[in-house]
PDB file of N, CA and C in Angstrom:
ATOM      1  N   MET A   1     100.270  71.354  64.916  1.00  0.00           N
ATOM      2  CA  MET A   1     100.184  70.401  65.888  1.00  0.00           C
ATOM      3  C   MET A   1     100.311  71.127  66.942  1.00  0.00           C
ATOM      4  N   ALA A   2      99.698  70.334  67.611  1.00  0.00           N
ATOM      5  CA  ALA A   2     100.101  71.372  69.080  1.00  0.00           C
ATOM      6  C   ALA A   2     100.231  70.432  70.052  1.00  0.00           C
ATOM      7  N   ILE A   3     100.689  69.858  71.111  1.00  0.00           N
ATOM      8  CA  ILE A   3     100.566  70.159  72.717  1.00  0.00           C
ATOM      9  C   ILE A   3      99.877  70.221  73.478  1.00  0.00           C
ATOM     10  N   GLU A   4      98.948  69.482  74.239  1.00  0.00           N
ATOM     11  CA  GLU A   4      98.240  69.956  74.793  1.00  0.00           C
ATOM     12  C   GLU A   4      99.224  69.533  76.489  1.00  0.00           C
ATOM     13  N   PHE A   5      99.292  70.484  77.585  1.00  0.00           N
ATOM     14  CA  PHE A   5      99.704  69.241  78.499  1.00  0.00           C
ATOM     15  C   PHE A   5      99.429  70.325  80.126  1.00  0.00           C
ATOM     16  N   MET A   6      99.347  70.211  80.372  1.00  0.00           N
ATOM     17  CA  MET A   6      98.589  71.444  82.613  1.00  0.00           C
ATOM     18  C   MET A   6     100.094  70.725  82.535  1.00  0.00           C
ATOM     19  N   VAL A   7     100.080  72.371  83.604  1.00  0.00           N
ATOM     20  CA  VAL A   7     101.529  72.334  84.707  1.00  0.00           C
ATOM     21  C   VAL A   7     100.716  72.475  85.910  1.00  0.00           C
ATOM     22  N   SER A   8     101.229  71.292  86.821  1.00  0.00           N
ATOM     23  CA  SER A   8     100.359  71.753  88.049  1.00  0.00           C
ATOM     24  C   SER A   8     101.614  71.397  88.940  1.00  0.00           C
ATOM     25  N   ILE A   9     101.037  72.329  90.303  1.00  0.00           N
ATOM     26  CA  ILE A   9     102.166  72.439  90.807  1.00  0.00           C
ATOM     27  C   ILE A   9     101.500  72.388  92.342  1.00  0.00           C
ATOM     28  N   PRO A  10     101.988  71.414  92.493  1.00  0.00           N
ATOM     29  CA  PRO A  10     101.164  70.851  94.718  1.00  0.00           C
ATOM     30  C   PRO A  10     101.678  72.293  95.016  1.00  0.00           C
ATOM     31  N   ILE A  11     100.486  72.643  96.234  1.00  0.00           N
ATOM     32  CA  ILE A  11     100.964  73.604  96.875  1.00  0.00           C
ATOM     33  C   ILE A  11      99.658  73.280  98.496  1.00  0.00           C
ATOM     34  N   ARG A  12     100.453  72.808  99.287  1.00  0.00           N
ATOM     35  CA  ARG A  12     100.134  72.685 100.558  1.00  0.00           C
ATOM     36  C   ARG A  12      99.113  73.446 100.856  1.00  0.00           C
ATOM     37  N   GLN A  13      97.751  72.851 101.553  1.00  0.00           N
ATOM     38  CA  GLN A  13      96.496  73.643 102.051  1.00  0.00           C
ATOM     39  C   GLN A  13      97.249  74.989 102.817  1.00  0.00           C
ATOM     40  N   GLU A  14      98.336  74.098 104.147  1.00  0.00           N
ATOM     41  CA  GLU A  14      98.463  75.689 104.865  1.00  0.00           C
ATOM     42  C   GLU A  14      99.370  76.717 104.255  1.00  0.00           C
ATOM     43  N   ASP A  15      99.638  76.446 102.792  1.00  0.00           N
ATOM     44  CA  ASP A  15     100.452  77.334 102.484  1.00  0.00           C
ATOM     45  C   ASP A  15      99.276  78.102 101.496  1.00  0.00           C
ATOM     46  N   ALA A  16      98.794  77.660 100.570  1.00  0.00           N
ATOM     47  CA  ALA A  16      98.266  78.321  99.762  1.00  0.00           C
ATOM     48  C   ALA A  16      97.682  79.246  99.935  1.00  0.00           C
ATOM     49  N   GLN A  17      96.562  79.821 101.146  1.00  0.00           N
ATOM     50  CA  GLN A  17      96.846  81.570 101.649  1.00  0.00           C
ATOM     51  C   GLN A  17      98.320  82.431 101.014  1.00  0.00           C
ATOM     52  N   ASN A  18      99.305  82.677 101.444  1.00  0.00           N
ATOM     53  CA  ASN A  18     100.504  82.825 101.540  1.00  0.00           C
ATOM     54  C   ASN A  18     100.800  82.816  99.954  1.00  0.00           C
ATOM     55  N   VAL A  19     101.163  81.416  98.927  1.00  0.00           N
ATOM     56  CA  VAL A  19     101.409  81.731  97.786  1.00  0.00           C
ATOM     57  C   VAL A  19      99.906  82.755  96.816  1.00  0.00           C
ATOM     58  N   ILE A  20      99.019  82.622  97.710  1.00  0.00           N
ATOM     59  CA  ILE A  20      97.856  84.233  96.997  1.00  0.00           C
ATOM     60  C   ILE A  20      98.314  85.560  97.266  1.00  0.00           C
ATOM     61  N   ASP A  21      99.072  85.380  98.504  1.00  0.00           N
ATOM     62  CA  ASP A  21      98.636  86.665  99.013  1.00  0.00           C
ATOM     63  C   ASP A  21     100.721  86.833  98.623  1.00  0.00           C
ATOM     64  N   ALA A  22     102.069  86.466  98.436  1.00  0.00           N
ATOM     65  CA  ALA A  22     103.253  86.731  98.301  1.00  0.00           C
ATOM     66  C   ALA A  22     102.807  86.783  96.027  1.00  0.00           C
ATOM     67  N   PHE A  23     102.112  86.877  95.767  1.00  0.00           N
ATOM     68  CA  PHE A  23     101.682  86.878  94.337  1.00  0.00           C
ATOM     69  C   PHE A  23     100.924  88.086  93.764  1.00  0.00           C
ATOM     70  N   ILE A  24      99.875  88.679  95.028  1.00  0.00           N
ATOM     71  CA  ILE A  24      99.296  89.450  94.488  1.00  0.00           C
ATOM     72  C   ILE A  24     100.314  90.955  95.313  1.00  0.00           C
ATOM     73  N   SER A  25     101.041  90.320  96.346  1.00  0.00           N
ATOM     74  CA  SER A  25     102.326  91.642  97.099  1.00  0.00           C
ATOM     75  C   SER A  25     103.021  92.021  95.488  1.00  0.00           C
ATOM     76  N   LYS A  26     103.371  90.365  95.436  1.00  0.00           N
ATOM     77  CA  LYS A  26     104.467  90.976  93.533  1.00  0.00           C
ATOM     78  C   LYS A  26     103.851  91.509  92.857  1.00  0.00           C
ATOM     79  N   ARG A  27     102.664  91.332  92.389  1.00  0.00           N
ATOM     80  CA  ARG A  27     102.211  91.727  90.916  1.00  0.00           C
ATOM     81  C   ARG A  27     103.185  91.647  90.283  1.00  0.00           C
ATOM     82  N   PRO A  28     102.765  90.400  89.558  1.00  0.00           N
ATOM     83  CA  PRO A  28     104.389  90.218  88.483  1.00  0.00           C
ATOM     84  C   PRO A  28     103.980  90.311  87.136  1.00  0.00           C
ATOM     85  N   TYR A  29     103.120  90.862  86.734  1.00  0.00           N
ATOM     86  CA  TYR A  29     102.432  91.299  85.790  1.00  0.00           C
ATOM     87  C   TYR A  29     101.631  92.629  85.828  1.00  0.00           C
ATOM     88  N   GLY A  30     101.390  93.296  84.294  1.00  0.00           N
ATOM     89  CA  GLY A  30     100.323  94.538  84.749  1.00  0.00           C
ATOM     90  C   GLY A  30      98.776  94.444  85.093  1.00  0.00           C
ATOM     91  N   ALA A  31      98.025  92.938  85.199  1.00  0.00           N
ATOM     92  CA  ALA A  31      97.304  92.934  84.974  1.00  0.00           C
ATOM     93  C   ALA A  31      96.662  93.538  86.875  1.00  0.00           C
ATOM     94  N   PRO A  32      95.181  94.069  86.684  1.00  0.00           N
ATOM     95  CA  PRO A  32      94.832  94.390  88.255  1.00  0.00           C
ATOM     96  C   PRO A  32      94.689  93.241  89.080  1.00  0.00           C
ATOM     97  N   VAL A  33      95.063  93.591  90.769  1.00  0.00           N
ATOM     98  CA  VAL A  33      94.488  91.843  91.944  1.00  0.00           C
ATOM     99  C   VAL A  33      93.025  91.807  91.202  1.00  0.00           C
ATOM    100  N   PRO A  34      92.247  90.753  91.186  1.00  0.00           N
ATOM    101  CA  PRO A  34      90.862  90.907  91.754  1.00  0.00           C
ATOM    102  C   PRO A  34      90.189  91.409  92.631  1.00  0.00           C
ATOM    103  N   ALA A  35      89.465  92.211  92.797  1.00  0.00           N
ATOM    104  CA  ALA A  35      88.253  92.750  93.580  1.00  0.00           C
ATOM    105  C   ALA A  35      87.255  91.426  94.736  1.00  0.00           C
ATOM    106  N   ASP A  36      87.453  91.718  96.053  1.00  0.00           N
ATOM    107  CA  ASP A  36      86.681  89.837  96.405  1.00  0.00           C
ATOM    108  C   ASP A  36      85.381  90.214  96.110  1.00  0.00           C
ATOM    109  N   ILE A  37      85.088  91.224  95.886  1.00  0.00           N
ATOM    110  CA  ILE A  37      83.322  92.128  95.868  1.00  0.00           C
ATOM    111  C   ILE A  37      83.023  92.941  94.562  1.00  0.00           C
ATOM    112  N   VAL A  38      82.440  92.338  93.497  1.00  0.00           N
ATOM    113  CA  VAL A  38      82.422  93.101  91.692  1.00  0.00           C
ATOM    114  C   VAL A  38      80.666  93.534  92.449  1.00  0.00           C
ATOM    115  N   ASN A  39      79.978  94.254  90.764  1.00  0.00           N
ATOM    116  CA  ASN A  39      78.560  94.336  91.179  1.00  0.00           C
ATOM    117  C   ASN A  39      78.069  93.533  90.044  1.00  0.00           C
ATOM    118  N   ASP A  40      77.327  93.072  89.564  1.00  0.00           N
ATOM    119  CA  ASP A  40      76.876  92.635  89.037  1.00  0.00           C
ATOM    120  C   ASP A  40      76.096  93.064  87.813  1.00  0.00           C
ATOM    121  N   ASN A  41      75.347  93.023  86.709  1.00  0.00           N
ATOM    122  CA  ASN A  41      74.819  93.954  85.079  1.00  0.00           C
ATOM    123  C   ASN A  41      73.677  94.694  86.211  1.00  0.00           C
ATOM    124  N   ALA A  42      72.636  94.286  87.372  1.00  0.00           N
ATOM    125  CA  ALA A  42      71.654  94.956  87.786  1.00  0.00           C
ATOM    126  C   ALA A  42      72.452  95.767  88.909  1.00  0.00           C
ATOM    127  N   GLY A  43      73.768  96.489  89.041  1.00  0.00           N
ATOM    128  CA  GLY A  43      74.521  97.315  90.110  1.00  0.00           C
ATOM    129  C   GLY A  43      74.271  96.418  92.109  1.00  0.00           C
ATOM    130  N   ASN A  44      74.738  95.061  91.559  1.00  0.00           N
ATOM    131  CA  ASN A  44      73.817  94.603  92.963  1.00  0.00           C
ATOM    132  C   ASN A  44      75.785  93.828  93.437  1.00  0.00           C
ATOM    133  N   PRO A  45      76.173  93.593  94.276  1.00  0.00           N
ATOM    134  CA  PRO A  45      77.194  93.640  94.508  1.00  0.00           C
ATOM    135  C   PRO A  45      77.491  92.093  95.027  1.00  0.00           C
ATOM    136  N   ILE A  46      78.396  91.282  94.519  1.00  0.00           N
ATOM    137  CA  ILE A  46      78.429  89.675  94.507  1.00  0.00           C
ATOM    138  C   ILE A  46      79.805  89.830  94.903  1.00  0.00           C
ATOM    139  N   PRO A  47      80.091  88.303  94.938  1.00  0.00           N
ATOM    140  CA  PRO A  47      81.283  87.430  94.921  1.00  0.00           C
ATOM    141  C   PRO A  47      81.859  87.844  93.474  1.00  0.00           C
ATOM    142  N   ASN A  48      83.320  88.158  93.582  1.00  0.00           N
ATOM    143  CA  ASN A  48      83.745  88.205  92.169  1.00  0.00           C
ATOM    144  C   ASN A  48      84.405  86.595  91.490  1.00  0.00           C
ATOM    145  N   PRO A  49      83.506  86.262  90.455  1.00  0.00           N
ATOM    146  CA  PRO A  49      84.000  85.116  90.205  1.00  0.00           C
ATOM    147  C   PRO A  49      85.911  85.025  89.578  1.00  0.00           C
ATOM    148  N   ILE A  50      85.723  86.423  89.041  1.00  0.00           N
ATOM    149  CA  ILE A  50      87.355  85.815  88.961  1.00  0.00           C
ATOM    150  C   ILE A  50      88.281  85.531  90.245  1.00  0.00           C
ATOM    151  N   THR A  51      88.970  84.944  90.548  1.00  0.00           N
ATOM    152  CA  THR A  51      89.131  84.983  92.155  1.00  0.00           C
ATOM    153  C   THR A  51      90.812  85.304  92.400  1.00  0.00           C
ATOM    154  N   LYS A  52      91.416  85.880  92.929  1.00  0.00           N
ATOM    155  CA  LYS A  52      93.038  85.543  93.503  1.00  0.00           C
ATOM    156  C   LYS A  52      93.454  84.713  93.351  1.00  0.00           C
ATOM    157  N   ALA A  53      92.958  83.323  93.212  1.00  0.00           N
ATOM    158  CA  ALA A  53      93.006  82.432  92.752  1.00  0.00           C
ATOM    159  C   ALA A  53      93.586  81.504  91.521  1.00  0.00           C
ATOM    160  N   ASN A  54      92.277  82.539  91.037  1.00  0.00           N
ATOM    161  CA  ASN A  54      92.744  82.918  89.265  1.00  0.00           C
ATOM    162  C   ASN A  54      93.888  83.688  88.679  1.00  0.00           C
ATOM    163  N   TYR A  55      94.092  84.801  89.136  1.00  0.00           N
ATOM    164  CA  TYR A  55      95.634  86.070  89.111  1.00  0.00           C
ATOM    165  C   TYR A  55      96.085  85.215  89.740  1.00  0.00           C
ATOM    166  N   VAL A  56      97.109  84.883  90.715  1.00  0.00           N
ATOM    167  CA  VAL A  56      97.929  83.108  90.026  1.00  0.00           C
ATOM    168  C   VAL A  56      98.247  82.906  89.513  1.00  0.00           C
ATOM    169  N   GLU A  57      96.898  81.812  88.721  1.00  0.00           N
ATOM    170  CA  GLU A  57      96.998  81.225  87.307  1.00  0.00           C
ATOM    171  C   GLU A  57      97.441  81.992  86.530  1.00  0.00           C
ATOM    172  N   ASP A  58      97.389  83.411  86.567  1.00  0.00           N
ATOM    173  CA  ASP A  58      97.467  83.994  85.226  1.00  0.00           C
ATOM    174  C   ASP A  58      98.394  84.545  85.113  1.00  0.00           C
ATOM    175  N   CYS A  59      99.125  84.502  86.488  1.00  0.00           N
ATOM    176  CA  CYS A  59     100.368  85.011  86.823  1.00  0.00           C
ATOM    177  C   CYS A  59     101.607  84.345  86.218  1.00  0.00           C
ATOM    178  N   VAL A  60     101.284  82.496  87.336  1.00  0.00           N
ATOM    179  CA  VAL A  60     102.080  82.029  86.759  1.00  0.00           C
ATOM    180  C   VAL A  60     102.022  81.159  84.830  1.00  0.00           C
ATOM    181  N   ALA A  61     100.869  81.998  83.805  1.00  0.00           N
ATOM    182  CA  ALA A  61     100.767  81.686  82.937  1.00  0.00           C
ATOM    183  C   ALA A  61     101.216  82.924  82.153  1.00  0.00           C
ATOM    184  N   TYR A  62     101.487  84.191  82.556  1.00  0.00           N
ATOM    185  CA  TYR A  62     102.661  84.794  81.831  1.00  0.00           C
ATOM    186  C   TYR A  62     104.119  85.110  82.144  1.00  0.00           C
ATOM    187  N   PHE A  63     104.547  84.081  83.202  1.00  0.00           N
ATOM    188  CA  PHE A  63     105.536  83.400  83.115  1.00  0.00           C
ATOM    189  C   PHE A  63     105.957  82.470  82.258  1.00  0.00           C
ATOM    190  N   ILE A  64     105.113  82.057  82.373  1.00  0.00           N
ATOM    191  CA  ILE A  64     105.737  80.654  81.152  1.00  0.00           C
ATOM    192  C   ILE A  64     106.076  81.993  79.781  1.00  0.00           C
ATOM    193  N   LEU A  65     105.550  82.597  79.767  1.00  0.00           N
ATOM    194  CA  LEU A  65     105.332  83.009  78.300  1.00  0.00           C
ATOM    195  C   LEU A  65     106.248  84.240  78.209  1.00  0.00           C
ATOM    196  N   ASP A  66     106.600  84.680  79.101  1.00  0.00           N
ATOM    197  CA  ASP A  66     108.258  85.486  79.254  1.00  0.00           C
ATOM    198  C   ASP A  66     109.250  84.683  79.417  1.00  0.00           C
ATOM    199  N   VAL A  67     109.320  83.257  79.913  1.00  0.00           N
ATOM    200  CA  VAL A  67     110.018  82.273  79.444  1.00  0.00           C
ATOM    201  C   VAL A  67     110.479  81.864  78.048  1.00  0.00           C
ATOM    202  N   VAL A  68     109.461  81.521  77.606  1.00  0.00           N
ATOM    203  CA  VAL A  68     109.386  81.242  75.902  1.00  0.00           C
ATOM    204  C   VAL A  68     109.232  82.367  75.060  1.00  0.00           C
ATOM    205  N   GLN A  69     109.078  83.689  75.512  1.00  0.00           N
ATOM    206  CA  GLN A  69     109.518  84.890  74.782  1.00  0.00           C
ATOM    207  C   GLN A  69     111.140  84.989  75.213  1.00  0.00           C
ATOM    208  N   SER A  70     111.742  84.737  76.375  1.00  0.00           N
ATOM    209  CA  SER A  70     113.595  85.391  76.276  1.00  0.00           C
ATOM    210  C   SER A  70     113.791  83.717  75.064  1.00  0.00           C
ATOM    211  N   TYR A  71     113.371  82.915  75.397  1.00  0.00           N
ATOM    212  CA  TYR A  71     114.178  82.292  74.824  1.00  0.00           C
ATOM    213  C   TYR A  71     113.950  81.714  73.525  1.00  0.00           C
ATOM    214  N   LEU A  72     113.018  82.529  72.424  1.00  0.00           N
ATOM    215  CA  LEU A  72     113.514  82.518  71.180  1.00  0.00           C
ATOM    216  C   LEU A  72     113.707  83.813  71.044  1.00  0.00           C
ATOM    217  N   VAL A  73     113.778  84.934  71.717  1.00  0.00           N
ATOM    218  CA  VAL A  73     114.738  86.209  71.104  1.00  0.00           C
ATOM    219  C   VAL A  73     115.957  85.503  71.729  1.00  0.00           C
ATOM    220  N   ARG A  74     116.447  84.690  72.318  1.00  0.00           N
ATOM    221  CA  ARG A  74     118.974  84.080  72.365  1.00  0.00           C
ATOM    222  C   ARG A  74     118.600  83.318  71.805  1.00  0.00           C
ATOM    223  N   LYS A  75     117.087  82.655  71.113  1.00  0.00           N
ATOM    224  CA  LYS A  75     117.863  81.376  70.479  1.00  0.00           C
ATOM    225  C   LYS A  75     117.821  82.509  68.578  1.00  0.00           C
ATOM    226  N   ALA A  76     117.051  83.883  68.549  1.00  0.00           N
ATOM    227  CA  ALA A  76     116.752  84.287  66.782  1.00  0.00           C
ATOM    228  C   ALA A  76     117.923  84.985  67.076  1.00  0.00           C
ATOM    229  N   ALA A  77     118.757  85.092  68.294  1.00  0.00           N
ATOM    230  CA  ALA A  77     120.337  86.585  68.528  1.00  0.00           C
ATOM    231  C   ALA A  77     121.293  85.899  68.002  1.00  0.00           C
ATOM    232  N   LYS A  78     120.916  83.962  68.995  1.00  0.00           N
ATOM    233  CA  LYS A  78     122.320  83.533  68.779  1.00  0.00           C
ATOM    234  C   LYS A  78     121.755  83.035  66.478  1.00  0.00           C
ATOM    235  N   GLU A  79     121.703  82.690  66.122  1.00  0.00           N
ATOM    236  CA  GLU A  79     120.924  82.000  64.801  1.00  0.00           C
ATOM    237  C   GLU A  79     121.585  83.155  63.578  1.00  0.00           C
ATOM    238  N   ALA A  80     120.805  84.715  64.396  1.00  0.00           N
ATOM    239  CA  ALA A  80     121.426  85.877  63.290  1.00  0.00           C
ATOM    240  C   ALA A  80     122.455  85.824  63.632  1.00  0.00           C
ATOM    241  N   ARG A  81     123.409  85.761  64.719  1.00  0.00           N
ATOM    242  CA  ARG A  81     125.110  86.190  64.849  1.00  0.00           C
ATOM    243  C   ARG A  81     125.323  85.326  64.064  1.00  0.00           C
ATOM    244  N   GLU A  82     125.554  83.852  64.522  1.00  0.00           N
ATOM    245  CA  GLU A  82     125.878  82.424  63.276  1.00  0.00           C
ATOM    246  C   GLU A  82     125.848  82.726  62.117  1.00  0.00           C
ATOM    247  N   ASN A  83     124.620  83.395  61.437  1.00  0.00           N
ATOM    248  CA  ASN A  83     124.747  83.720  60.272  1.00  0.00           C
ATOM    249  C   ASN A  83     125.652  84.914  59.482  1.00  0.00           C
ATOM    250  N   ALA A  84     125.945  86.082  60.299  1.00  0.00           N
ATOM    251  CA  ALA A  84     126.320  87.136  60.479  1.00  0.00           C
ATOM    252  C   ALA A  84     127.397  86.747  60.538  1.00  0.00           C
ATOM    253  N   ASP A  85     128.269  85.918  61.473  1.00  0.00           N
ATOM    254  CA  ASP A  85     129.624  85.728  61.235  1.00  0.00           C
ATOM    255  C   ASP A  85     130.174  84.662  60.013  1.00  0.00           C
ATOM    256  N   GLN A  86     129.102  84.447  59.270  1.00  0.00           N
ATOM    257  CA  GLN A  86     129.385  82.949  58.104  1.00  0.00           C
ATOM    258  C   GLN A  86     129.467  83.421  56.865  1.00  0.00           C
ATOM    259  N   ASN A  87     127.980  84.870  56.778  1.00  0.00           N
ATOM    260  CA  ASN A  87     129.314  85.624  55.805  1.00  0.00           C
ATOM    261  C   ASN A  87     130.067  86.666  56.151  1.00  0.00           C
ATOM    262  N   ALA A  88     130.080  87.416  57.396  1.00  0.00           N
ATOM    263  CA  ALA A  88     131.696  87.664  57.105  1.00  0.00           C
ATOM    264  C   ALA A  88     133.019  87.450  56.874  1.00  0.00           C
ATOM    265  N   THR A  89     132.859  85.738  57.219  1.00  0.00           N
ATOM    266  CA  THR A  89     133.788  84.857  56.891  1.00  0.00           C
ATOM    267  C   THR A  89     133.807  84.818  55.452  1.00  0.00           C
ATOM    268  N   THR A  90     132.928  84.837  54.900  1.00  0.00           N
ATOM    269  CA  THR A  90     132.865  84.390  53.542  1.00  0.00           C
ATOM    270  C   THR A  90     133.362  85.665  52.466  1.00  0.00           C
ATOM    271  N   VAL A  91     132.969  87.024  53.056  1.00  0.00           N
ATOM    272  CA  VAL A  91     133.353  88.122  52.380  1.00  0.00           C
ATOM    273  C   VAL A  91     134.955  88.415  52.909  1.00  0.00           C
ATOM    274  N   VAL A  92     135.643  87.944  54.065  1.00  0.00           N
ATOM    275  CA  VAL A  92     136.622  88.558  54.220  1.00  0.00           C
ATOM    276  C   VAL A  92     137.739  87.481  53.715  1.00  0.00           C
ATOM    277  N   ASN A  93     137.020  86.106  53.212  1.00  0.00           N
ATOM    278  CA  ASN A  93     137.727  85.052  52.267  1.00  0.00           C
ATOM    279  C   ASN A  93     137.498  85.465  50.589  1.00  0.00           C
ATOM    280  N   GLU A  94     136.716  86.329  50.205  1.00  0.00           N
ATOM    281  CA  GLU A  94     136.985  86.851  49.310  1.00  0.00           C
ATOM    282  C   GLU A  94     137.833  87.845  48.876  1.00  0.00           C
ATOM    283  N   LEU A  95     137.649  88.779  49.643  1.00  0.00           N
ATOM    284  CA  LEU A  95     138.763  90.155  50.107  1.00  0.00           C
ATOM    285  C   LEU A  95     140.666  89.345  50.388  1.00  0.00           C
ATOM    286  N   GLU A  96     140.519  88.422  50.871  1.00  0.00           N
ATOM    287  CA  GLU A  96     141.910  88.272  51.065  1.00  0.00           C
ATOM    288  C   GLU A  96     142.187  86.788  49.342  1.00  0.00           C
ATOM    289  N   THR A  97     141.625  86.804  48.771  1.00  0.00           N
ATOM    290  CA  THR A  97     141.942  86.317  47.604  1.00  0.00           C
ATOM    291  C   THR A  97     142.097  86.736  46.738  1.00  0.00           C
ATOM    292  N   TRP A  98     141.396  87.881  46.739  1.00  0.00           N
ATOM    293  CA  TRP A  98     141.561  89.293  45.562  1.00  0.00           C
ATOM    294  C   TRP A  98     142.704  90.112  46.192  1.00  0.00           C
ATOM    295  N   ILE A  99     142.577  90.362  47.372  1.00  0.00           N
ATOM    296  CA  ILE A  99     144.390  90.737  47.632  1.00  0.00           C
ATOM    297  C   ILE A  99     145.552  90.179  46.840  1.00  0.00           C
ATOM    298  N   ARG A 100     145.435  88.677  47.653  1.00  0.00           N
ATOM    299  CA  ARG A 100     146.369  88.187  47.291  1.00  0.00           C
ATOM    300  C   ARG A 100     146.746  87.454  45.820  1.00  0.00           C
ATOM    301  N   GLU A 101     145.832  88.491  44.307  1.00  0.00           N
ATOM    302  CA  GLU A 101     146.036  88.095  43.463  1.00  0.00           C
ATOM    303  C   GLU A 101     146.418  89.604  43.078  1.00  0.00           C
ATOM    304  N   GLN A 102     146.465  90.381  43.580  1.00  0.00           N
ATOM    305  CA  GLN A 102     146.559  91.621  43.501  1.00  0.00           C
ATOM    306  C   GLN A 102     148.443  91.638  42.809  1.00  0.00           C
TER     307      GLN A 102
END
């Protein structure tokens, strides 16, 4: 089962370049910032088809992945703790019963 959705964050036109520049300066994940000009297969300089706006989209995607990963780790840790507490309680109750029977 898959749920498809798109995250859309409105940015005013006059703020767009500042948003792009902010992400580029912060570099929130390890990918290099795309160059404005790259060489094609023949070695000719061309505008990079991967824009800085694409970089910002990737940054947002990696942020979402990081949030999901953090949630899953916290959820698994909570479940493991609850399971460990339940197991410990069972062992202690059994030990208490054994001690009282002595």
